[in-house]
């Protein structure tokens, strides 16, 4: 199965170089996977920055450039709800780790998404100072570094408000159904 985070990253606009972020387990730790998955988010959304679309179904997510490939809830896609936010967790089988997007739907016409899958390289030192992070490098490739974060629920919520991730936020507008 194709790993969806590459597609997800296309939704977000980044500067040229980024450092990826992974988690050892679906986030937030200690919160059960939602039984109703993505039901409250069902609809089609557009990123007005680049016109990519995202379709949320009861079973999963379909990205505009992968119409035939739906990421379905299960072993590699888990959703948790905590503090009125959805934590959409994607499993990277190559690394055996998880990547996370946080969705806030406080406005029924928008999804506000915070990308916790990568940061700009100029913010690496700042994230490295967080006590719940560990910077690793790809085996044999010191140019390919990535973080493993293992925050508590409280630390995770605090991290969402951290300026480190300000550039990683996007607004997806819900398309009206005819």
Protein backbone atom coordinates (compact mmCIF):
# COMPACT_ATOMS: atom_id res chain seq x y z
CA UNK A 1 0.00 0.00 0.00
CA UNK A 2 1.25 3.46 -0.87
CA UNK A 3 2.04 5.52 2.23
CA UNK A 4 -0.31 8.54 2.19
CA UNK A 5 1.77 11.09 4.05
CA UNK A 6 3.65 12.00 0.86
CA UNK A 7 0.31 12.95 -0.64
CA UNK A 8 -0.69 14.75 2.53
CA UNK A 9 2.48 16.78 2.48
CA UNK A 10 1.50 18.01 -0.97
CA UNK A 11 -1.48 19.70 0.68
CA UNK A 12 0.80 21.73 2.87
CA UNK A 13 3.15 24.37 1.58
CA UNK A 14 6.64 24.12 2.97
CA UNK A 15 9.99 25.71 2.50
CA UNK A 16 12.48 23.67 0.49
CA UNK A 17 13.93 21.46 3.24
CA UNK A 18 12.08 19.72 6.04
CA UNK A 19 12.80 17.24 8.79
CA UNK A 20 10.20 14.53 9.25
CA UNK A 21 8.49 13.79 12.57
CA UNK A 22 7.28 10.39 13.78
CA UNK A 23 5.60 9.02 16.88
CA UNK A 24 6.05 5.52 18.39
CA UNK A 25 2.27 5.05 18.71
CA UNK A 26 -0.95 6.71 17.53
CA UNK A 27 -1.51 10.06 19.23
CA UNK A 28 -2.55 11.14 21.75
CA UNK A 29 -1.18 8.39 23.97
CA UNK A 30 -3.74 6.73 26.21
CA UNK A 31 -6.76 7.85 24.15
CA UNK A 32 -8.88 5.17 22.51
CA UNK A 33 -9.41 5.08 18.75
CA UNK A 34 -12.78 6.68 17.94
CA UNK A 35 -15.55 4.22 17.23
CA UNK A 36 -17.23 6.48 14.68
CA UNK A 37 -13.96 7.36 12.94
CA UNK A 38 -14.39 10.34 10.68
CA UNK A 39 -18.21 10.52 10.58
CA UNK A 40 -18.42 14.11 11.88
CA UNK A 41 -16.04 15.26 9.14
CA UNK A 42 -17.75 13.63 6.13
CA UNK A 43 -17.69 15.88 3.08
CA UNK A 44 -15.46 17.25 0.37
CA UNK A 45 -12.98 20.01 1.11
CA UNK A 46 -10.66 22.19 -0.94
CA UNK A 47 -7.38 23.81 -0.07
CA UNK A 48 -7.77 27.28 -1.54
CA UNK A 49 -3.97 27.66 -1.70
CA UNK A 50 -3.51 24.98 -4.37
CA UNK A 51 -7.02 23.68 -5.20
CA UNK A 52 -6.25 20.13 -4.01
CA UNK A 53 -9.32 18.39 -2.69
CA UNK A 54 -9.85 16.05 0.19
CA UNK A 55 -12.90 13.81 0.47
CA UNK A 56 -13.74 12.39 3.88
CA UNK A 57 -15.99 9.35 3.88
CA UNK A 58 -17.31 7.21 6.71
CA UNK A 59 -14.55 4.70 5.99
CA UNK A 60 -11.58 6.93 5.26
CA UNK A 61 -9.96 9.63 3.15
CA UNK A 62 -9.60 10.12 -0.61
CA UNK A 63 -7.04 12.65 -1.91
CA UNK A 64 -7.69 14.45 -5.20
CA UNK A 65 -4.61 13.10 -6.91
CA UNK A 66 -5.32 9.51 -5.80
CA UNK A 67 -9.02 9.18 -6.65
CA UNK A 68 -8.77 5.40 -6.91
CA UNK A 69 -6.92 4.94 -3.63
CA UNK A 70 -8.86 5.53 -0.48
CA UNK A 71 -7.01 5.39 2.82
CA UNK A 72 -9.37 3.39 4.99
CA UNK A 73 -9.60 3.22 8.74
CA UNK A 74 -7.79 0.19 10.08
CA UNK A 75 -4.28 -0.92 10.91
CA UNK A 76 -2.54 1.91 9.03
CA UNK A 77 -5.03 4.75 9.61
CA UNK A 78 -6.33 5.44 13.09
CA UNK A 79 -8.37 8.39 14.32
CA UNK A 80 -8.54 9.56 17.91
CA UNK A 81 -10.60 12.42 19.29
CA UNK A 82 -9.29 14.48 22.18
CA UNK A 83 -10.04 18.03 23.35
CA UNK A 84 -12.48 18.51 20.42
CA UNK A 85 -9.76 17.73 17.86
CA UNK A 86 -9.29 14.74 15.58
CA UNK A 87 -5.83 13.17 15.53
CA UNK A 88 -5.43 11.38 12.20
CA UNK A 89 -2.60 8.88 12.57
CA UNK A 90 -0.89 7.25 9.56
CA UNK A 91 1.40 4.25 9.97
CA UNK A 92 4.71 4.19 8.10
CA UNK A 93 5.48 0.48 7.82
CA UNK A 94 8.99 1.20 6.55
CA UNK A 95 9.93 2.90 9.81
CA UNK A 96 7.42 1.16 12.08
CA UNK A 97 6.31 4.58 13.32
CA UNK A 98 3.30 6.92 13.05
CA UNK A 99 2.80 10.38 11.56
CA UNK A 100 0.01 12.70 12.68
CA UNK A 101 -2.29 15.40 11.35
CA UNK A 102 -4.56 17.23 13.76
CA UNK A 103 -7.97 18.35 12.51
CA UNK A 104 -10.10 20.99 14.18
CA UNK A 105 -13.63 21.34 12.85
CA UNK A 106 -14.96 24.06 15.14
CA UNK A 107 -16.30 25.83 12.03
CA UNK A 108 -18.75 23.57 10.09
CA UNK A 109 -17.59 25.05 6.76
CA UNK A 110 -13.86 24.46 7.35
CA UNK A 111 -11.33 21.93 8.51
CA UNK A 112 -8.28 23.47 10.12
CA UNK A 113 -5.40 21.02 9.81
CA UNK A 114 -2.11 21.14 11.69
CA UNK A 115 0.60 19.05 10.11
CA UNK A 116 2.78 17.33 12.71
CA UNK A 117 4.66 15.26 10.10
CA UNK A 118 7.55 17.64 9.46
CA UNK A 119 9.16 20.95 10.34
CA UNK A 120 11.45 23.32 8.51
CA UNK A 121 15.11 22.59 9.15
CA UNK A 122 15.63 25.99 10.78
CA UNK A 123 13.36 24.82 13.62
CA UNK A 124 15.19 21.54 14.33
CA UNK A 125 17.22 22.95 17.24
CA UNK A 126 14.09 24.36 18.84
CA UNK A 127 12.26 21.03 18.65
CA UNK A 128 15.38 19.17 19.82
CA UNK A 129 15.19 21.09 23.11
CA UNK A 130 11.80 19.56 23.88
CA UNK A 131 12.30 16.83 26.46
CA UNK A 132 9.96 14.42 24.67
CA UNK A 133 11.87 14.43 21.37
CA UNK A 134 14.74 12.42 19.99
CA UNK A 135 16.58 13.31 16.77
CA UNK A 136 17.78 10.29 14.79
CA UNK A 137 19.38 9.88 11.41
CA UNK A 138 18.67 7.42 8.65
CA UNK A 139 21.01 4.46 8.77
CA UNK A 140 24.20 5.46 6.97
CA UNK A 141 22.88 8.85 5.87
CA UNK A 142 23.62 11.74 8.20
CA UNK A 143 21.82 14.17 5.86
CA UNK A 144 18.50 12.37 6.41
CA UNK A 145 17.47 13.15 9.97
CA UNK A 146 14.07 12.68 11.58
CA UNK A 147 12.49 13.19 14.97
CA UNK A 148 10.70 10.69 17.14
CA UNK A 149 8.39 12.47 19.57
CA UNK A 150 6.76 10.78 22.53
CA UNK A 151 4.76 13.53 24.27
CA UNK A 152 2.20 13.16 27.00
CA UNK A 153 -1.33 14.33 26.14
CA UNK A 154 -0.63 17.65 27.85
CA UNK A 155 2.67 18.11 26.00
CA UNK A 156 0.99 17.25 22.68
CA UNK A 157 -1.71 19.91 23.14
CA UNK A 158 0.96 22.44 24.13
CA UNK A 159 2.99 21.48 21.04
CA UNK A 160 -0.01 22.23 18.80
CA UNK A 161 0.08 25.83 20.03
CA UNK A 162 3.87 26.14 19.61
CA UNK A 163 5.09 28.57 16.94
CA UNK A 164 7.22 25.71 15.54
CA UNK A 165 4.12 24.51 13.70
CA UNK A 166 2.62 27.88 12.66
CA UNK A 167 3.63 27.34 9.02
CA UNK A 168 2.19 23.81 9.08
CA UNK A 169 -1.44 24.88 9.38
CA UNK A 170 -3.88 24.84 6.50
CA UNK A 171 -7.52 25.77 6.08
CA UNK A 172 -9.67 23.44 4.00
CA UNK A 173 -13.01 24.93 2.93
CA UNK A 174 -15.98 22.57 2.73
CA UNK A 175 -17.50 22.36 -0.75
CA UNK A 176 -21.25 22.78 -0.88
CA UNK A 177 -23.11 19.63 -1.92
CA UNK A 178 -25.71 20.14 -4.62
